[in-house]
Amino acid sequence: MHDELLTIGRFARLCRLSVKQLRHYDETGLLTPVRVDALSGYRYYAPEQARDALTIALLREMDLPLAVIAQALTADPERRARILRAERDRLAARISRDQARLEVLERLAEDGLPDYEVTMSTEPERRLAVVRAVCSPAEIGQRFAECVGRLLSELGGAGVAWEPPLCGLYPLDLEERTEIAVGAPTPGGGGTPGLEFQVLPGGDVAETVHIGPYAQLPLAYNALFAAVHERGLRPQAPVREAYLVGPAEAPQEELMTRLVVPVQEKVA
């Protein structure tokens, strides 16, 4: 049996892995040697372990976490397919975010920081029907779309009229787990069972309008918060986005979003 086994060095070369990686996979239980010499501590691997080792190397090259790889290796074919499809979707979402970042960088490289017009105004009190979600910053787009669907369904089911535009409500700081809300202005419908309402107090705000893809909203926020701080003001939550022209009405380049930040004078 021993003569048929491979030393860790030979096995590493066979599987295009480093000895350090194999040791780590052993320590984490991902790929354990079939034999460890009790005196020397040398690890020995069987040739038939090469398939798992090569699969690990392939999936690591695709940046799959070790915990996910461990699940995939031990799963039946149907569950393995579900695991890999979930990772495919995660990778596709990351590529989409990276593509949006590339477009922002390209715009900055070509045109510099956009010259947004930031104005001060007084916002009236607004009463919204809202639905909420908690998510990571990377999930905001997906969760927002889900919230829109839920909100419109609940409003329609309750027979409550609402007035465009839809609004997004966000905290000042996007933390690892962030609560967001989607709201629809409602002139009536107070106390409707199954609906949550939120009143946004009136007061002084700083605002600007962004025209273009949602992925480039950070450019507008950069200008908006810079103007707030340059005026010696203190921003207040929630930050509001009003979707004046949405994806159902225009292409990405023509979307129009009003950004509103409530402000207060700084206390000396």
Protein backbone atom coordinates (compact mmCIF):
# COMPACT_ATOMS: atom_id res chain seq x y z
CA MET A 1 0.00 0.00 0.00
CA HIS A 2 2.77 2.44 0.95
CA ASP A 3 4.56 1.89 -2.39
CA GLU A 4 1.43 3.01 -4.25
CA LEU A 5 1.17 6.30 -2.36
CA LEU A 6 2.66 9.62 -3.38
CA THR A 7 4.67 11.93 -1.17
CA ILE A 8 3.19 15.37 -0.67
CA GLY A 9 5.81 16.87 -2.99
CA ARG A 10 5.06 14.47 -5.88
CA PHE A 11 1.33 14.81 -5.33
CA ALA A 12 1.60 18.61 -5.34
CA ARG A 13 3.42 18.58 -8.69
CA LEU A 14 0.89 16.14 -10.13
CA CYS A 15 -2.05 18.34 -9.11
CA ARG A 16 -0.46 21.74 -9.81
CA LEU A 17 -0.77 22.74 -6.16
CA SER A 18 1.88 23.86 -3.73
CA VAL A 19 2.92 21.83 -0.71
CA LYS A 20 1.77 24.74 1.45
CA GLN A 21 -1.70 24.59 -0.11
CA LEU A 22 -1.99 20.85 0.46
CA ARG A 23 -1.00 21.25 4.09
CA HIS A 24 -3.63 23.96 4.50
CA TYR A 25 -6.30 21.81 2.85
CA ASP A 26 -5.39 18.99 5.23
CA GLU A 27 -5.60 21.27 8.27
CA THR A 28 -9.03 22.52 7.21
CA GLY A 29 -10.31 19.03 6.40
CA LEU A 30 -10.81 19.81 2.71
CA LEU A 31 -8.37 17.18 1.40
CA THR A 32 -6.76 14.87 3.94
CA PRO A 33 -3.91 12.50 3.06
CA VAL A 34 -4.64 8.80 3.21
CA ARG A 35 -1.63 8.27 5.46
CA VAL A 36 0.48 10.36 7.81
CA ASP A 37 3.67 8.80 9.12
CA ALA A 38 3.43 8.74 12.91
CA LEU A 39 7.16 9.33 13.39
CA SER A 40 8.09 11.78 10.62
CA GLY A 41 4.72 13.44 10.07
CA TYR A 42 5.12 12.99 6.31
CA ARG A 43 1.86 13.06 4.37
CA TYR A 44 1.07 10.50 1.66
CA TYR A 45 -1.67 10.73 -0.95
CA ALA A 46 -3.35 8.15 -3.17
CA PRO A 47 -3.37 8.69 -6.95
CA GLU A 48 -7.18 8.57 -6.98
CA GLN A 49 -7.21 11.73 -4.82
CA ALA A 50 -5.84 13.67 -7.77
CA ARG A 51 -9.32 14.31 -9.19
CA ASP A 52 -10.49 16.06 -6.00
CA ALA A 53 -7.23 17.97 -5.76
CA LEU A 54 -7.45 19.16 -9.37
CA THR A 55 -11.10 20.15 -8.83
CA ILE A 56 -10.10 22.15 -5.76
CA ALA A 57 -7.39 23.92 -7.78
CA LEU A 58 -9.87 24.69 -10.57
CA LEU A 59 -12.52 26.09 -8.22
CA ARG A 60 -9.98 28.10 -6.24
CA GLU A 61 -8.81 29.64 -9.53
CA MET A 62 -12.40 30.84 -9.90
CA ASP A 63 -12.19 32.39 -6.43
CA LEU A 64 -14.67 30.06 -4.74
CA PRO A 65 -14.31 30.04 -0.94
CA LEU A 66 -12.86 26.88 0.58
CA ALA A 67 -16.05 26.28 2.57
CA VAL A 68 -18.09 26.29 -0.64
CA ILE A 69 -15.63 23.95 -2.35
CA ALA A 70 -15.90 21.54 0.57
CA GLN A 71 -19.68 21.51 0.21
CA ALA A 72 -19.46 20.94 -3.54
CA LEU A 73 -17.02 18.04 -3.21
CA THR A 74 -19.26 16.12 -0.82
CA ALA A 75 -22.62 16.98 -2.39
CA ASP A 76 -24.69 14.80 -4.68
CA PRO A 77 -24.83 15.97 -8.34
CA GLU A 78 -28.10 17.89 -7.96
CA ARG A 79 -26.99 19.80 -4.88
CA ARG A 80 -23.54 20.38 -6.37
CA ALA A 81 -25.18 22.01 -9.38
CA ARG A 82 -27.19 24.31 -7.10
CA ILE A 83 -24.06 25.29 -5.18
CA LEU A 84 -22.11 26.07 -8.34
CA ARG A 85 -24.99 28.03 -9.88
CA ALA A 86 -25.22 30.15 -6.73
CA GLU A 87 -21.50 30.90 -7.01
CA ARG A 88 -21.96 31.67 -10.71
CA ASP A 89 -24.62 34.22 -9.81
CA ARG A 90 -22.38 35.72 -7.13
CA LEU A 91 -19.56 36.05 -9.64
CA ALA A 92 -21.86 37.58 -12.26
CA ALA A 93 -23.07 40.17 -9.74
CA ARG A 94 -19.49 41.04 -8.84
CA ILE A 95 -18.55 41.41 -12.50
CA SER A 96 -21.55 43.70 -13.00
CA ARG A 97 -20.45 45.87 -10.06
CA ASP A 98 -16.89 45.98 -11.37
CA GLN A 99 -18.14 46.96 -14.83
CA ALA A 100 -20.09 49.84 -13.28
CA ARG A 101 -16.95 50.95 -11.42
CA LEU A 102 -14.98 50.85 -14.67
CA GLU A 103 -17.55 53.10 -16.31
CA VAL A 104 -17.34 55.58 -13.44
CA LEU A 105 -13.54 55.61 -13.65
CA GLU A 106 -13.71 56.08 -17.42
CA ARG A 107 -16.05 59.03 -16.98
CA LEU A 108 -13.77 60.55 -14.35
CA ALA A 109 -10.72 60.02 -16.56
CA GLU A 110 -12.36 61.69 -19.54
CA ASP A 111 -14.33 64.50 -17.90
CA GLY A 112 -13.14 64.83 -14.31
CA LEU A 113 -15.66 65.24 -11.51
CA PRO A 114 -19.06 66.23 -12.95
CA ASP A 115 -20.27 69.72 -12.13
CA TYR A 116 -23.56 69.02 -10.38
CA GLU A 117 -25.70 71.97 -9.38
CA VAL A 118 -26.46 71.65 -5.67
CA THR A 119 -29.26 73.85 -4.36
CA MET A 120 -30.74 74.55 -0.94
CA SER A 121 -34.49 74.37 -0.54
CA THR A 122 -37.26 73.67 1.95
CA GLU A 123 -38.87 70.26 1.65
CA PRO A 124 -42.50 69.85 2.74
CA GLU A 125 -43.58 67.05 5.06
CA ARG A 126 -44.21 63.88 3.10
CA ARG A 127 -46.17 60.81 4.06
CA LEU A 128 -45.10 57.54 2.45
CA ALA A 129 -46.26 53.96 2.41
CA VAL A 130 -43.04 51.98 2.77
CA VAL A 131 -41.55 48.52 2.68
CA ARG A 132 -38.12 47.78 4.11
CA ALA A 133 -35.22 45.41 3.62
CA VAL A 134 -31.89 44.79 5.30
CA CYS A 135 -28.98 44.02 3.01
CA SER A 136 -25.33 44.62 2.25
CA PRO A 137 -24.37 47.58 0.02
CA ALA A 138 -23.69 45.15 -2.84
CA GLU A 139 -27.26 43.81 -2.60
CA ILE A 140 -29.04 47.17 -2.62
CA GLY A 141 -30.02 47.06 -6.30
CA GLN A 142 -31.57 43.60 -6.02
CA ARG A 143 -33.30 44.27 -2.70
CA PHE A 144 -34.60 47.62 -3.94
CA ALA A 145 -36.25 45.97 -6.94
CA GLU A 146 -37.84 43.39 -4.64
CA CYS A 147 -39.12 46.15 -2.36
CA VAL A 148 -40.70 47.97 -5.31
CA GLY A 149 -42.55 44.82 -6.29
CA ARG A 150 -43.77 44.22 -2.75
CA LEU A 151 -44.84 47.83 -2.24
CA LEU A 152 -46.82 48.10 -5.47
CA SER A 153 -48.46 44.75 -4.78
CA GLU A 154 -49.47 45.80 -1.26
CA LEU A 155 -50.78 49.16 -2.42
CA GLY A 156 -52.77 47.55 -5.19
CA GLY A 157 -54.14 44.88 -2.87
CA ALA A 158 -55.23 47.48 -0.34
CA GLY A 159 -56.71 49.78 -2.98
CA VAL A 160 -54.54 52.70 -1.82
CA ALA A 161 -53.79 55.40 -4.39
CA TRP A 162 -50.26 56.78 -4.56
CA GLU A 163 -48.55 59.61 -6.35
CA PRO A 164 -45.27 59.25 -8.31
CA PRO A 165 -42.37 59.32 -7.99
CA LEU A 166 -41.28 56.35 -5.91
CA CYS A 167 -38.65 57.18 -3.31
CA GLY A 168 -35.70 55.34 -1.83
CA LEU A 169 -34.69 55.98 1.78
CA TYR A 170 -31.12 55.27 2.91
CA PRO A 171 -28.93 55.85 5.96
CA LEU A 172 -26.04 58.29 5.79
CA ASP A 173 -23.51 55.47 6.10
CA LEU A 174 -23.87 52.20 4.21
CA GLU A 175 -22.71 49.58 6.68
CA GLU A 176 -22.26 45.85 6.21
CA ARG A 177 -25.94 45.33 7.04
CA THR A 178 -27.99 48.35 6.03
CA GLU A 179 -31.72 49.01 6.25
CA ILE A 180 -33.21 50.53 3.13
CA ALA A 181 -36.80 51.44 2.33
CA VAL A 182 -38.88 52.12 -0.75
CA GLY A 183 -41.72 54.58 -0.34
CA ALA A 184 -44.69 55.83 -2.32
CA PRO A 185 -46.36 59.16 -1.47
CA THR A 186 -49.94 58.48 -0.38
CA PRO A 187 -52.49 61.30 0.05
CA GLY A 188 -54.77 58.94 2.01
CA GLY A 189 -54.87 55.40 3.27
CA GLY A 190 -53.85 56.04 6.84
CA GLY A 191 -54.26 53.07 9.14
CA THR A 192 -54.66 50.64 6.24
CA PRO A 193 -54.08 47.10 7.57
CA GLY A 194 -50.94 45.47 6.22
CA LEU A 195 -49.30 48.73 5.18
CA GLU A 196 -46.53 50.59 6.98
CA PHE A 197 -46.41 54.36 6.74
CA GLN A 198 -43.59 56.79 7.45
CA VAL A 199 -43.77 60.55 7.73
CA LEU A 200 -40.72 62.43 6.51
CA PRO A 201 -40.59 65.75 8.35
CA GLY A 202 -40.28 68.92 6.35
CA GLY A 203 -37.29 71.19 6.63
CA ASP A 204 -34.13 72.43 4.98
CA VAL A 205 -32.48 70.15 2.44
CA ALA A 206 -29.63 70.12 -0.02
CA GLU A 207 -30.51 68.58 -3.35
CA THR A 208 -29.22 67.80 -6.81
CA VAL A 209 -30.39 65.88 -9.86
CA HIS A 210 -28.48 63.02 -11.46
CA ILE A 211 -29.07 62.07 -15.07
CA GLY A 212 -27.66 58.70 -16.04
CA PRO A 213 -27.27 55.15 -14.73
CA TYR A 214 -27.87 54.38 -11.08
CA ALA A 215 -24.36 52.93 -10.95
CA GLN A 216 -23.02 56.47 -11.36
CA LEU A 217 -25.02 57.94 -8.47
CA PRO A 218 -21.84 58.03 -6.32
CA LEU A 219 -20.65 60.92 -8.52
CA ALA A 220 -23.74 62.92 -7.59
CA TYR A 221 -23.43 62.03 -3.92
CA ASN A 222 -19.82 63.18 -3.97
CA ALA A 223 -20.90 66.62 -5.15
CA LEU A 224 -23.91 66.75 -2.85
CA PHE A 225 -22.10 65.91 0.39
CA ALA A 226 -19.13 68.10 -0.55
CA ALA A 227 -21.51 71.04 -0.93
CA VAL A 228 -23.20 70.26 2.40
CA HIS A 229 -19.91 70.26 4.28
CA GLU A 230 -18.57 73.32 2.45
CA ARG A 231 -21.65 75.23 3.67
CA GLY A 232 -20.95 74.19 7.24
CA LEU A 233 -24.11 72.08 7.45
CA ARG A 234 -24.76 68.72 9.10
CA PRO A 235 -26.47 66.05 6.99
CA GLN A 236 -29.37 64.12 8.48
CA ALA A 237 -30.85 60.72 7.72
CA PRO A 238 -32.59 59.41 5.80
CA VAL A 239 -31.05 60.32 2.48
CA ARG A 240 -33.81 60.37 -0.12
CA GLU A 241 -33.79 59.43 -3.78
CA ALA A 242 -36.79 60.33 -5.93
CA TYR A 243 -36.91 58.41 -9.22
CA LEU A 244 -38.25 61.05 -11.59
CA VAL A 245 -37.56 58.98 -14.72
CA GLY A 246 -37.15 55.25 -14.16
CA PRO A 247 -35.93 52.24 -16.16
CA ALA A 248 -39.42 51.55 -17.52
CA GLU A 249 -39.54 55.02 -19.07
CA ALA A 250 -36.09 55.62 -20.52
CA PRO A 251 -32.70 54.03 -21.29
CA GLN A 252 -30.00 54.02 -18.60
CA GLU A 253 -28.34 57.18 -19.92
CA GLU A 254 -31.59 59.15 -19.52
CA LEU A 255 -32.66 58.04 -16.04
CA MET A 256 -33.33 61.03 -13.77
CA THR A 257 -32.92 60.83 -10.01
CA ARG A 258 -33.40 63.62 -7.48
CA LEU A 259 -31.10 63.29 -4.46
CA VAL A 260 -32.18 64.99 -1.26
CA VAL A 261 -30.25 65.27 2.00
CA PRO A 262 -31.93 66.91 5.03
CA VAL A 263 -29.53 69.35 6.69
CA GLN A 264 -29.16 71.28 9.94
CA GLU A 265 -26.89 74.06 11.01
CA LYS A 266 -23.88 72.79 12.90
CA VAL A 267 -23.94 73.56 16.60
CA ALA A 268 -20.86 75.53 17.62
